[in-house]
Amino acid sequence: MAEPLLSIVIDALDEKKGQQIDVIDVRDKCSFADHIVIVTGSSNRHVKSLAMDVSMASKKQGLIPLGVEGMDSGEWVLIDLGNIIVHVMQPKIREFYQLEKLWAVDAEV
């Protein structure tokens, strides 16, 4: 179920003009998710809109998000879809935390 849902998530983000959509396969790195999706929104409103569309798209597929955090501020919204975790971030937040680098760390290092 993760792969079709992943496509739905990416399509929803792309349709709302999400920027720098990155999908990280974490199946070999953690036990709580298969994929992490990171996307940039240009403003508080854009971040909230992207997060809302991902939530609605997953609900249409019969999957209610397990949790949505950060909708109040709109700087960084996390959507937990079970095997897929979606991070919607403003540029300054994404640059500061650099989640891509965190998950790119090789386990052998």
PDB file of N, CA and C in Angstrom:
ATOM      1  N   MET A   1       0.809  -1.212   0.000  1.00  0.00           N
ATOM      2  CA  MET A   1       0.000   0.000   0.000  1.00  0.00           C
ATOM      3  C   MET A   1       0.841   1.260   0.000  1.00  0.00           C
ATOM      4  N   ALA A   2       2.081   1.174   0.442  1.00  0.00           N
ATOM      5  CA  ALA A   2       2.921   2.363   0.545  1.00  0.00           C
ATOM      6  C   ALA A   2       3.209   2.984  -0.817  1.00  0.00           C
ATOM      7  N   GLU A   3       3.497   2.169  -1.825  1.00  0.00           N
ATOM      8  CA  GLU A   3       3.877   2.725  -3.124  1.00  0.00           C
ATOM      9  C   GLU A   3       2.750   3.530  -3.785  1.00  0.00           C
ATOM     10  N   PRO A   4       1.514   3.010  -3.872  1.00  0.00           N
ATOM     11  CA  PRO A   4       0.453   3.833  -4.450  1.00  0.00           C
ATOM     12  C   PRO A   4       0.194   5.097  -3.630  1.00  0.00           C
ATOM     13  N   LEU A   5       0.243   4.982  -2.309  1.00  0.00           N
ATOM     14  CA  LEU A   5       0.033   6.157  -1.463  1.00  0.00           C
ATOM     15  C   LEU A   5       1.155   7.161  -1.655  1.00  0.00           C
ATOM     16  N   LEU A   6       2.365   6.673  -1.831  1.00  0.00           N
ATOM     17  CA  LEU A   6       3.499   7.559  -2.069  1.00  0.00           C
ATOM     18  C   LEU A   6       3.274   8.373  -3.342  1.00  0.00           C
ATOM     19  N   SER A   7       2.792   7.743  -4.383  1.00  0.00           N
ATOM     20  CA  SER A   7       2.490   8.446  -5.635  1.00  0.00           C
ATOM     21  C   SER A   7       1.405   9.493  -5.426  1.00  0.00           C
ATOM     22  N   ILE A   8       0.410   9.155  -4.630  1.00  0.00           N
ATOM     23  CA  ILE A   8      -0.682  10.092  -4.349  1.00  0.00           C
ATOM     24  C   ILE A   8      -0.159  11.300  -3.585  1.00  0.00           C
ATOM     25  N   VAL A   9       0.710  11.057  -2.614  1.00  0.00           N
ATOM     26  CA  VAL A   9       1.300  12.149  -1.827  1.00  0.00           C
ATOM     27  C   VAL A   9       2.111  13.069  -2.730  1.00  0.00           C
ATOM     28  N   ILE A  10       2.962  12.485  -3.556  1.00  0.00           N
ATOM     29  CA  ILE A  10       3.810  13.285  -4.447  1.00  0.00           C
ATOM     30  C   ILE A  10       2.960  14.069  -5.437  1.00  0.00           C
ATOM     31  N   ASP A  11       1.933  13.445  -5.985  1.00  0.00           N
ATOM     32  CA  ASP A  11       1.041  14.147  -6.918  1.00  0.00           C
ATOM     33  C   ASP A  11       0.341  15.323  -6.242  1.00  0.00           C
ATOM     34  N   ALA A  12      -0.119  15.125  -5.010  1.00  0.00           N
ATOM     35  CA  ALA A  12      -0.805  16.204  -4.281  1.00  0.00           C
ATOM     36  C   ALA A  12       0.153  17.365  -4.032  1.00  0.00           C
ATOM     37  N   LEU A  13       1.386  17.063  -3.665  1.00  0.00           N
ATOM     38  CA  LEU A  13       2.380  18.118  -3.422  1.00  0.00           C
ATOM     39  C   LEU A  13       2.746  18.837  -4.714  1.00  0.00           C
ATOM     40  N   ASP A  14       2.906  18.076  -5.776  1.00  0.00           N
ATOM     41  CA  ASP A  14       3.266  18.660  -7.070  1.00  0.00           C
ATOM     42  C   ASP A  14       2.142  19.543  -7.604  1.00  0.00           C
ATOM     43  N   GLU A  15       0.910  19.086  -7.425  1.00  0.00           N
ATOM     44  CA  GLU A  15      -0.238  19.839  -7.918  1.00  0.00           C
ATOM     45  C   GLU A  15      -0.352  21.209  -7.251  1.00  0.00           C
ATOM     46  N   LYS A  16       0.019  21.284  -5.979  1.00  0.00           N
ATOM     47  CA  LYS A  16      -0.042  22.557  -5.240  1.00  0.00           C
ATOM     48  C   LYS A  16       1.280  23.307  -5.288  1.00  0.00           C
ATOM     49  N   LYS A  17       2.141  22.923  -6.215  1.00  0.00           N
ATOM     50  CA  LYS A  17       3.410  23.613  -6.452  1.00  0.00           C
ATOM     51  C   LYS A  17       4.381  23.534  -5.275  1.00  0.00           C
ATOM     52  N   GLY A  18       4.401  22.361  -4.622  1.00  0.00           N
ATOM     53  CA  GLY A  18       5.420  22.127  -3.596  1.00  0.00           C
ATOM     54  C   GLY A  18       6.794  22.153  -4.247  1.00  0.00           C
ATOM     55  N   GLN A  19       7.760  22.719  -3.574  1.00  0.00           N
ATOM     56  CA  GLN A  19       9.098  22.891  -4.138  1.00  0.00           C
ATOM     57  C   GLN A  19      10.056  21.864  -3.547  1.00  0.00           C
ATOM     58  N   GLN A  20      11.018  21.436  -4.341  1.00  0.00           N
ATOM     59  CA  GLN A  20      12.079  20.524  -3.913  1.00  0.00           C
ATOM     60  C   GLN A  20      11.505  19.289  -3.203  1.00  0.00           C
ATOM     61  N   ILE A  21      10.684  18.558  -3.896  1.00  0.00           N
ATOM     62  CA  ILE A  21      10.098  17.349  -3.314  1.00  0.00           C
ATOM     63  C   ILE A  21      11.155  16.252  -3.328  1.00  0.00           C
ATOM     64  N   ASP A  22      11.531  15.796  -2.129  1.00  0.00           N
ATOM     65  CA  ASP A  22      12.517  14.719  -1.988  1.00  0.00           C
ATOM     66  C   ASP A  22      11.867  13.532  -1.299  1.00  0.00           C
ATOM     67  N   VAL A  23      12.099  12.353  -1.836  1.00  0.00           N
ATOM     68  CA  VAL A  23      11.606  11.116  -1.235  1.00  0.00           C
ATOM     69  C   VAL A  23      12.823  10.314  -0.799  1.00  0.00           C
ATOM     70  N   ILE A  24      12.860   9.967   0.484  1.00  0.00           N
ATOM     71  CA  ILE A  24      13.984   9.215   1.032  1.00  0.00           C
ATOM     72  C   ILE A  24      13.474   7.841   1.455  1.00  0.00           C
ATOM     73  N   ASP A  25      14.094   6.814   0.918  1.00  0.00           N
ATOM     74  CA  ASP A  25      13.752   5.438   1.278  1.00  0.00           C
ATOM     75  C   ASP A  25      14.501   5.101   2.565  1.00  0.00           C
ATOM     76  N   VAL A  26      13.769   4.889   3.643  1.00  0.00           N
ATOM     77  CA  VAL A  26      14.384   4.626   4.952  1.00  0.00           C
ATOM     78  C   VAL A  26      14.089   3.217   5.457  1.00  0.00           C
ATOM     79  N   ARG A  27      13.681   2.335   4.559  1.00  0.00           N
ATOM     80  CA  ARG A  27      13.332   0.970   4.977  1.00  0.00           C
ATOM     81  C   ARG A  27      14.492   0.259   5.674  1.00  0.00           C
ATOM     82  N   ASP A  28      15.721   0.540   5.247  1.00  0.00           N
ATOM     83  CA  ASP A  28      16.887  -0.110   5.843  1.00  0.00           C
ATOM     84  C   ASP A  28      17.483   0.701   6.997  1.00  0.00           C
ATOM     85  N   LYS A  29      16.869   1.841   7.320  1.00  0.00           N
ATOM     86  CA  LYS A  29      17.455   2.722   8.335  1.00  0.00           C
ATOM     87  C   LYS A  29      16.612   2.883   9.582  1.00  0.00           C
ATOM     88  N   CYS A  30      15.322   2.564   9.506  1.00  0.00           N
ATOM     89  CA  CYS A  30      14.462   2.716  10.681  1.00  0.00           C
ATOM     90  C   CYS A  30      13.292   1.744  10.590  1.00  0.00           C
ATOM     91  N   SER A  31      12.587   1.603  11.693  1.00  0.00           N
ATOM     92  CA  SER A  31      11.475   0.661  11.726  1.00  0.00           C
ATOM     93  C   SER A  31      10.109   1.337  11.716  1.00  0.00           C
ATOM     94  N   PHE A  32      10.075   2.662  11.801  1.00  0.00           N
ATOM     95  CA  PHE A  32       8.790   3.345  11.920  1.00  0.00           C
ATOM     96  C   PHE A  32       8.225   3.841  10.605  1.00  0.00           C
ATOM     97  N   ALA A  33       8.977   3.769   9.520  1.00  0.00           N
ATOM     98  CA  ALA A  33       8.482   4.243   8.227  1.00  0.00           C
ATOM     99  C   ALA A  33       9.270   3.587   7.100  1.00  0.00           C
ATOM    100  N   ASP A  34       8.669   3.597   5.916  1.00  0.00           N
ATOM    101  CA  ASP A  34       9.353   3.121   4.708  1.00  0.00           C
ATOM    102  C   ASP A  34       9.929   4.287   3.909  1.00  0.00           C
ATOM    103  N   HIS A  35       9.195   5.410   3.910  1.00  0.00           N
ATOM    104  CA  HIS A  35       9.625   6.571   3.140  1.00  0.00           C
ATOM    105  C   HIS A  35       9.404   7.846   3.946  1.00  0.00           C
ATOM    106  N   ILE A  36      10.302   8.787   3.724  1.00  0.00           N
ATOM    107  CA  ILE A  36      10.139  10.125   4.262  1.00  0.00           C
ATOM    108  C   ILE A  36      10.096  11.067   3.066  1.00  0.00           C
ATOM    109  N   VAL A  37       9.087  11.902   3.043  1.00  0.00           N
ATOM    110  CA  VAL A  37       8.934  12.884   1.974  1.00  0.00           C
ATOM    111  C   VAL A  37       9.178  14.255   2.588  1.00  0.00           C
ATOM    112  N   ILE A  38      10.047  15.031   1.952  1.00  0.00           N
ATOM    113  CA  ILE A  38      10.344  16.387   2.416  1.00  0.00           C
ATOM    114  C   ILE A  38      10.031  17.329   1.267  1.00  0.00           C
ATOM    115  N   VAL A  39       9.294  18.378   1.580  1.00  0.00           N
ATOM    116  CA  VAL A  39       8.901  19.345   0.558  1.00  0.00           C
ATOM    117  C   VAL A  39       8.945  20.748   1.158  1.00  0.00           C
ATOM    118  N   THR A  40       9.225  21.730   0.314  1.00  0.00           N
ATOM    119  CA  THR A  40       9.287  23.116   0.754  1.00  0.00           C
ATOM    120  C   THR A  40       8.054  23.860   0.285  1.00  0.00           C
ATOM    121  N   GLY A  41       7.486  24.637   1.194  1.00  0.00           N
ATOM    122  CA  GLY A  41       6.398  25.562   0.884  1.00  0.00           C
ATOM    123  C   GLY A  41       6.926  26.974   1.013  1.00  0.00           C
ATOM    124  N   SER A  42       6.433  27.881   0.213  1.00  0.00           N
ATOM    125  CA  SER A  42       6.998  29.229   0.139  1.00  0.00           C
ATOM    126  C   SER A  42       6.563  30.170   1.269  1.00  0.00           C
ATOM    127  N   SER A  43       5.505  29.824   1.996  1.00  0.00           N
ATOM    128  CA  SER A  43       4.998  30.695   3.067  1.00  0.00           C
ATOM    129  C   SER A  43       4.210  29.848   4.060  1.00  0.00           C
ATOM    130  N   ASN A  44       3.802  30.463   5.165  1.00  0.00           N
ATOM    131  CA  ASN A  44       2.973  29.751   6.152  1.00  0.00           C
ATOM    132  C   ASN A  44       1.725  29.187   5.482  1.00  0.00           C
ATOM    133  N   ARG A  45       1.079  30.013   4.704  1.00  0.00           N
ATOM    134  CA  ARG A  45      -0.155  29.606   4.037  1.00  0.00           C
ATOM    135  C   ARG A  45       0.094  28.470   3.058  1.00  0.00           C
ATOM    136  N   HIS A  46       1.190  28.531   2.318  1.00  0.00           N
ATOM    137  CA  HIS A  46       1.515  27.500   1.347  1.00  0.00           C
ATOM    138  C   HIS A  46       1.822  26.178   2.051  1.00  0.00           C
ATOM    139  N   VAL A  47       2.585  26.231   3.143  1.00  0.00           N
ATOM    140  CA  VAL A  47       2.901  25.028   3.920  1.00  0.00           C
ATOM    141  C   VAL A  47       1.613  24.380   4.426  1.00  0.00           C
ATOM    142  N   LYS A  48       0.722  25.177   4.986  1.00  0.00           N
ATOM    143  CA  LYS A  48      -0.542  24.650   5.499  1.00  0.00           C
ATOM    144  C   LYS A  48      -1.386  24.055   4.384  1.00  0.00           C
ATOM    145  N   SER A  49      -1.408  24.711   3.232  1.00  0.00           N
ATOM    146  CA  SER A  49      -2.185  24.234   2.091  1.00  0.00           C
ATOM    147  C   SER A  49      -1.642  22.896   1.577  1.00  0.00           C
ATOM    148  N   LEU A  50      -0.319  22.789   1.484  1.00  0.00           N
ATOM    149  CA  LEU A  50       0.294  21.532   1.045  1.00  0.00           C
ATOM    150  C   LEU A  50      -0.051  20.405   2.011  1.00  0.00           C
ATOM    151  N   ALA A  51       0.085  20.683   3.296  1.00  0.00           N
ATOM    152  CA  ALA A  51      -0.209  19.663   4.316  1.00  0.00           C
ATOM    153  C   ALA A  51      -1.676  19.251   4.277  1.00  0.00           C
ATOM    154  N   MET A  52      -2.561  20.215   4.114  1.00  0.00           N
ATOM    155  CA  MET A  52      -3.989  19.917   4.062  1.00  0.00           C
ATOM    156  C   MET A  52      -4.312  19.050   2.848  1.00  0.00           C
ATOM    157  N   ASP A  53      -3.706  19.354   1.712  1.00  0.00           N
ATOM    158  CA  ASP A  53      -3.970  18.573   0.502  1.00  0.00           C
ATOM    159  C   ASP A  53      -3.455  17.137   0.622  1.00  0.00           C
ATOM    160  N   VAL A  54      -2.297  16.955   1.246  1.00  0.00           N
ATOM    161  CA  VAL A  54      -1.784  15.599   1.455  1.00  0.00           C
ATOM    162  C   VAL A  54      -2.733  14.828   2.367  1.00  0.00           C
ATOM    163  N   SER A  55      -3.188  15.472   3.432  1.00  0.00           N
ATOM    164  CA  SER A  55      -4.125  14.818   4.359  1.00  0.00           C
ATOM    165  C   SER A  55      -5.419  14.431   3.658  1.00  0.00           C
ATOM    166  N   MET A  56      -5.951  15.343   2.854  1.00  0.00           N
ATOM    167  CA  MET A  56      -7.202  15.080   2.150  1.00  0.00           C
ATOM    168  C   MET A  56      -7.035  13.977   1.109  1.00  0.00           C
ATOM    169  N   ALA A  57      -5.903  13.987   0.396  1.00  0.00           N
ATOM    170  CA  ALA A  57      -5.650  12.962  -0.619  1.00  0.00           C
ATOM    171  C   ALA A  57      -5.544  11.578   0.023  1.00  0.00           C
ATOM    172  N   SER A  58      -4.904  11.516   1.184  1.00  0.00           N
ATOM    173  CA  SER A  58      -4.793  10.209   1.852  1.00  0.00           C
ATOM    174  C   SER A  58      -6.151   9.752   2.375  1.00  0.00           C
ATOM    175  N   LYS A  59      -6.948  10.685   2.871  1.00  0.00           N
ATOM    176  CA  LYS A  59      -8.290  10.336   3.363  1.00  0.00           C
ATOM    177  C   LYS A  59      -9.157   9.795   2.237  1.00  0.00           C
ATOM    178  N   LYS A  60      -9.002  10.356   1.030  1.00  0.00           N
ATOM    179  CA  LYS A  60      -9.767   9.868  -0.122  1.00  0.00           C
ATOM    180  C   LYS A  60      -9.414   8.423  -0.454  1.00  0.00           C
ATOM    181  N   GLN A  61      -8.202   8.007  -0.074  1.00  0.00           N
ATOM    182  CA  GLN A  61      -7.767   6.632  -0.308  1.00  0.00           C
ATOM    183  C   GLN A  61      -8.102   5.728   0.883  1.00  0.00           C
ATOM    184  N   GLY A  62      -8.803   6.290   1.861  1.00  0.00           N
ATOM    185  CA  GLY A  62      -9.224   5.499   3.013  1.00  0.00           C
ATOM    186  C   GLY A  62      -8.225   5.457   4.144  1.00  0.00           C
ATOM    187  N   LEU A  63      -7.175   6.285   4.069  1.00  0.00           N
ATOM    188  CA  LEU A  63      -6.163   6.303   5.121  1.00  0.00           C
ATOM    189  C   LEU A  63      -6.199   7.642   5.842  1.00  0.00           C
ATOM    190  N   ILE A  64      -6.687   7.619   7.050  1.00  0.00           N
ATOM    191  CA  ILE A  64      -6.703   8.832   7.865  1.00  0.00           C
ATOM    192  C   ILE A  64      -5.319   8.983   8.482  1.00  0.00           C
ATOM    193  N   PRO A  65      -4.700  10.160   8.361  1.00  0.00           N
ATOM    194  CA  PRO A  65      -3.371  10.360   8.961  1.00  0.00           C
ATOM    195  C   PRO A  65      -3.373  10.015  10.449  1.00  0.00           C
ATOM    196  N   LEU A  66      -2.306   9.355  10.891  1.00  0.00           N
ATOM    197  CA  LEU A  66      -2.173   9.014  12.304  1.00  0.00           C
ATOM    198  C   LEU A  66      -1.931  10.256  13.144  1.00  0.00           C
ATOM    199  N   GLY A  67      -1.361  11.279  12.539  1.00  0.00           N
ATOM    200  CA  GLY A  67      -1.105  12.527  13.249  1.00  0.00           C
ATOM    201  C   GLY A  67      -0.686  13.621  12.292  1.00  0.00           C
ATOM    202  N   VAL A  68      -1.039  14.841  12.650  1.00  0.00           N
ATOM    203  CA  VAL A  68      -0.614  16.025  11.904  1.00  0.00           C
ATOM    204  C   VAL A  68      -0.179  17.045  12.944  1.00  0.00           C
ATOM    205  N   GLU A  69       1.069  17.464  12.869  1.00  0.00           N
ATOM    206  CA  GLU A  69       1.616  18.408  13.845  1.00  0.00           C
ATOM    207  C   GLU A  69       2.161  19.647  13.137  1.00  0.00           C
ATOM    208  N   GLY A  70       1.957  20.811  13.727  1.00  0.00           N
ATOM    209  CA  GLY A  70       2.554  22.038  13.220  1.00  0.00           C
ATOM    210  C   GLY A  70       1.650  22.913  12.379  1.00  0.00           C
ATOM    211  N   MET A  71       0.388  22.560  12.262  1.00  0.00           N
ATOM    212  CA  MET A  71      -0.518  23.360  11.425  1.00  0.00           C
ATOM    213  C   MET A  71      -0.735  24.764  11.998  1.00  0.00           C
ATOM    214  N   ASP A  72      -0.554  24.925  13.293  1.00  0.00           N
ATOM    215  CA  ASP A  72      -0.762  26.242  13.908  1.00  0.00           C
ATOM    216  C   ASP A  72       0.204  27.284  13.363  1.00  0.00           C
ATOM    217  N   SER A  73       1.482  26.945  13.333  1.00  0.00           N
ATOM    218  CA  SER A  73       2.483  27.933  12.912  1.00  0.00           C
ATOM    219  C   SER A  73       2.694  27.954  11.403  1.00  0.00           C
ATOM    220  N   GLY A  74       2.603  26.796  10.774  1.00  0.00           N
ATOM    221  CA  GLY A  74       2.800  26.733   9.329  1.00  0.00           C
ATOM    222  C   GLY A  74       4.251  26.857   8.900  1.00  0.00           C
ATOM    223  N   GLU A  75       5.181  26.709   9.839  1.00  0.00           N
ATOM    224  CA  GLU A  75       6.597  26.740   9.464  1.00  0.00           C
ATOM    225  C   GLU A  75       7.092  25.345   9.094  1.00  0.00           C
ATOM    226  N   TRP A  76       6.613  24.333   9.858  1.00  0.00           N
ATOM    227  CA  TRP A  76       6.999  22.954   9.627  1.00  0.00           C
ATOM    228  C   TRP A  76       5.820  22.092  10.039  1.00  0.00           C
ATOM    229  N   VAL A  77       5.233  21.400   9.075  1.00  0.00           N
ATOM    230  CA  VAL A  77       4.106  20.511   9.361  1.00  0.00           C
ATOM    231  C   VAL A  77       4.561  19.082   9.088  1.00  0.00           C
ATOM    232  N   LEU A  78       4.316  18.204  10.055  1.00  0.00           N
ATOM    233  CA  LEU A  78       4.630  16.794   9.918  1.00  0.00           C
ATOM    234  C   LEU A  78       3.323  16.022   9.806  1.00  0.00           C
ATOM    235  N   ILE A  79       3.235  15.165   8.795  1.00  0.00           N
ATOM    236  CA  ILE A  79       2.054  14.332   8.582  1.00  0.00           C
ATOM    237  C   ILE A  79       2.502  12.875   8.675  1.00  0.00           C
ATOM    238  N   ASP A  80       1.933  12.149   9.611  1.00  0.00           N
ATOM    239  CA  ASP A  80       2.262  10.744   9.808  1.00  0.00           C
ATOM    240  C   ASP A  80       1.205   9.895   9.116  1.00  0.00           C
ATOM    241  N   LEU A  81       1.608   9.250   8.033  1.00  0.00           N
ATOM    242  CA  LEU A  81       0.703   8.382   7.273  1.00  0.00           C
ATOM    243  C   LEU A  81       1.050   6.912   7.489  1.00  0.00           C
ATOM    244  N   GLY A  82       1.674   6.621   8.606  1.00  0.00           N
ATOM    245  CA  GLY A  82       2.068   5.246   8.885  1.00  0.00           C
ATOM    246  C   GLY A  82       3.416   4.947   8.275  1.00  0.00           C
ATOM    247  N   ASN A  83       3.439   4.310   7.121  1.00  0.00           N
ATOM    248  CA  ASN A  83       4.701   3.975   6.461  1.00  0.00           C
ATOM    249  C   ASN A  83       5.328   5.144   5.713  1.00  0.00           C
ATOM    250  N   ILE A  84       4.610   6.260   5.648  1.00  0.00           N
ATOM    251  CA  ILE A  84       5.131   7.452   4.984  1.00  0.00           C
ATOM    252  C   ILE A  84       5.019   8.618   5.957  1.00  0.00           C
ATOM    253  N   ILE A  85       6.135   9.318   6.149  1.00  0.00           N
ATOM    254  CA  ILE A  85       6.158  10.514   6.975  1.00  0.00           C
ATOM    255  C   ILE A  85       6.424  11.688   6.035  1.00  0.00           C
ATOM    256  N   VAL A  86       5.592  12.709   6.100  1.00  0.00           N
ATOM    257  CA  VAL A  86       5.725  13.868   5.217  1.00  0.00           C
ATOM    258  C   VAL A  86       6.103  15.081   6.056  1.00  0.00           C
ATOM    259  N   HIS A  87       7.180  15.753   5.659  1.00  0.00           N
ATOM    260  CA  HIS A  87       7.617  16.996   6.289  1.00  0.00           C
ATOM    261  C   HIS A  87       7.404  18.120   5.282  1.00  0.00           C
ATOM    262  N   VAL A  88       6.566  19.074   5.630  1.00  0.00           N
ATOM    263  CA  VAL A  88       6.330  20.250   4.787  1.00  0.00           C
ATOM    264  C   VAL A  88       6.949  21.423   5.528  1.00  0.00           C
ATOM    265  N   MET A  89       7.946  22.061   4.922  1.00  0.00           N
ATOM    266  CA  MET A  89       8.732  23.058   5.631  1.00  0.00           C
ATOM    267  C   MET A  89       8.914  24.333   4.816  1.00  0.00           C
ATOM    268  N   GLN A  90       9.040  25.439   5.541  1.00  0.00           N
ATOM    269  CA  GLN A  90       9.454  26.675   4.891  1.00  0.00           C
ATOM    270  C   GLN A  90      10.954  26.589   4.608  1.00  0.00           C
ATOM    271  N   PRO A  91      11.447  27.356   3.627  1.00  0.00           N
ATOM    272  CA  PRO A  91      12.860  27.246   3.233  1.00  0.00           C
ATOM    273  C   PRO A  91      13.852  27.414   4.383  1.00  0.00           C
ATOM    274  N   LYS A  92      13.638  28.385   5.250  1.00  0.00           N
ATOM    275  CA  LYS A  92      14.602  28.629   6.336  1.00  0.00           C
ATOM    276  C   LYS A  92      14.647  27.460   7.325  1.00  0.00           C
ATOM    277  N   ILE A  93      13.499  26.832   7.572  1.00  0.00           N
ATOM    278  CA  ILE A  93      13.437  25.691   8.481  1.00  0.00           C
ATOM    279  C   ILE A  93      14.112  24.483   7.837  1.00  0.00           C
ATOM    280  N   ARG A  94      13.828  24.269   6.563  1.00  0.00           N
ATOM    281  CA  ARG A  94      14.427  23.123   5.859  1.00  0.00           C
ATOM    282  C   ARG A  94      15.945  23.258   5.798  1.00  0.00           C
ATOM    283  N   GLU A  95      16.412  24.454   5.526  1.00  0.00           N
ATOM    284  CA  GLU A  95      17.855  24.686   5.454  1.00  0.00           C
ATOM    285  C   GLU A  95      18.518  24.472   6.821  1.00  0.00           C
ATOM    286  N   PHE A  96      17.859  24.912   7.885  1.00  0.00           N
ATOM    287  CA  PHE A  96      18.420  24.794   9.222  1.00  0.00           C
ATOM    288  C   PHE A  96      18.538  23.331   9.661  1.00  0.00           C
ATOM    289  N   TYR A  97      17.473  22.544   9.492  1.00  0.00           N
ATOM    290  CA  TYR A  97      17.467  21.168   9.998  1.00  0.00           C
ATOM    291  C   TYR A  97      18.107  20.158   9.059  1.00  0.00           C
ATOM    292  N   GLN A  98      18.087  20.414   7.766  1.00  0.00           N
ATOM    293  CA  GLN A  98      18.745  19.563   6.769  1.00  0.00           C
ATOM    294  C   GLN A  98      18.459  18.072   6.998  1.00  0.00           C
ATOM    295  N   LEU A  99      17.182  17.734   7.012  1.00  0.00           N
ATOM    296  CA  LEU A  99      16.782  16.344   7.256  1.00  0.00           C
ATOM    297  C   LEU A  99      17.349  15.378   6.223  1.00  0.00           C
ATOM    298  N   GLU A 100      17.521  15.852   5.001  1.00  0.00           N
ATOM    299  CA  GLU A 100      18.083  14.983   3.965  1.00  0.00           C
ATOM    300  C   GLU A 100      19.461  14.468   4.385  1.00  0.00           C
ATOM    301  N   LYS A 101      20.269  15.335   4.938  1.00  0.00           N
ATOM    302  CA  LYS A 101      21.607  14.927   5.381  1.00  0.00           C
ATOM    303  C   LYS A 101      21.532  13.967   6.553  1.00  0.00           C
ATOM    304  N   LEU A 102      20.596  14.178   7.444  1.00  0.00           N
ATOM    305  CA  LEU A 102      20.416  13.287   8.583  1.00  0.00           C
ATOM    306  C   LEU A 102      20.136  11.859   8.115  1.00  0.00           C
ATOM    307  N   TRP A 103      19.251  11.709   7.144  1.00  0.00           N
ATOM    308  CA  TRP A 103      18.879  10.371   6.672  1.00  0.00           C
ATOM    309  C   TRP A 103      19.865   9.809   5.663  1.00  0.00           C
ATOM    310  N   ALA A 104      20.766  10.638   5.144  1.00  0.00           N
ATOM    311  CA  ALA A 104      21.755  10.165   4.184  1.00  0.00           C
ATOM    312  C   ALA A 104      22.968   9.562   4.880  1.00  0.00           C
ATOM    313  N   VAL A 105      23.063   9.709   6.198  1.00  0.00           N
ATOM    314  CA  VAL A 105      24.204   9.180   6.934  1.00  0.00           C
ATOM    315  C   VAL A 105      24.253   7.671   6.773  1.00  0.00           C
ATOM    316  N   ASP A 106      25.406   7.177   6.364  1.00  0.00           N
ATOM    317  CA  ASP A 106      25.580   5.738   6.168  1.00  0.00           C
ATOM    318  C   ASP A 106      25.692   5.045   7.520  1.00  0.00           C
ATOM    319  N   ALA A 107      25.019   3.929   7.670  1.00  0.00           N
ATOM    320  CA  ALA A 107      24.996   3.201   8.937  1.00  0.00           C
ATOM    321  C   ALA A 107      26.384   2.673   9.325  1.00  0.00           C
ATOM    322  N   GLU A 108      27.286   2.522   8.370  1.00  0.00           N
ATOM    323  CA  GLU A 108      28.618   1.976   8.656  1.00  0.00           C
ATOM    324  C   GLU A 108      29.584   3.013   9.184  1.00  0.00           C
ATOM    325  N   VAL A 109      29.241   4.267   9.106  1.00  0.00           N
ATOM    326  CA  VAL A 109      30.162   5.340   9.516  1.00  0.00           C
ATOM    327  C   VAL A 109      30.303   5.369  11.010  1.00  0.00           C
TER     328      VAL A 109
END
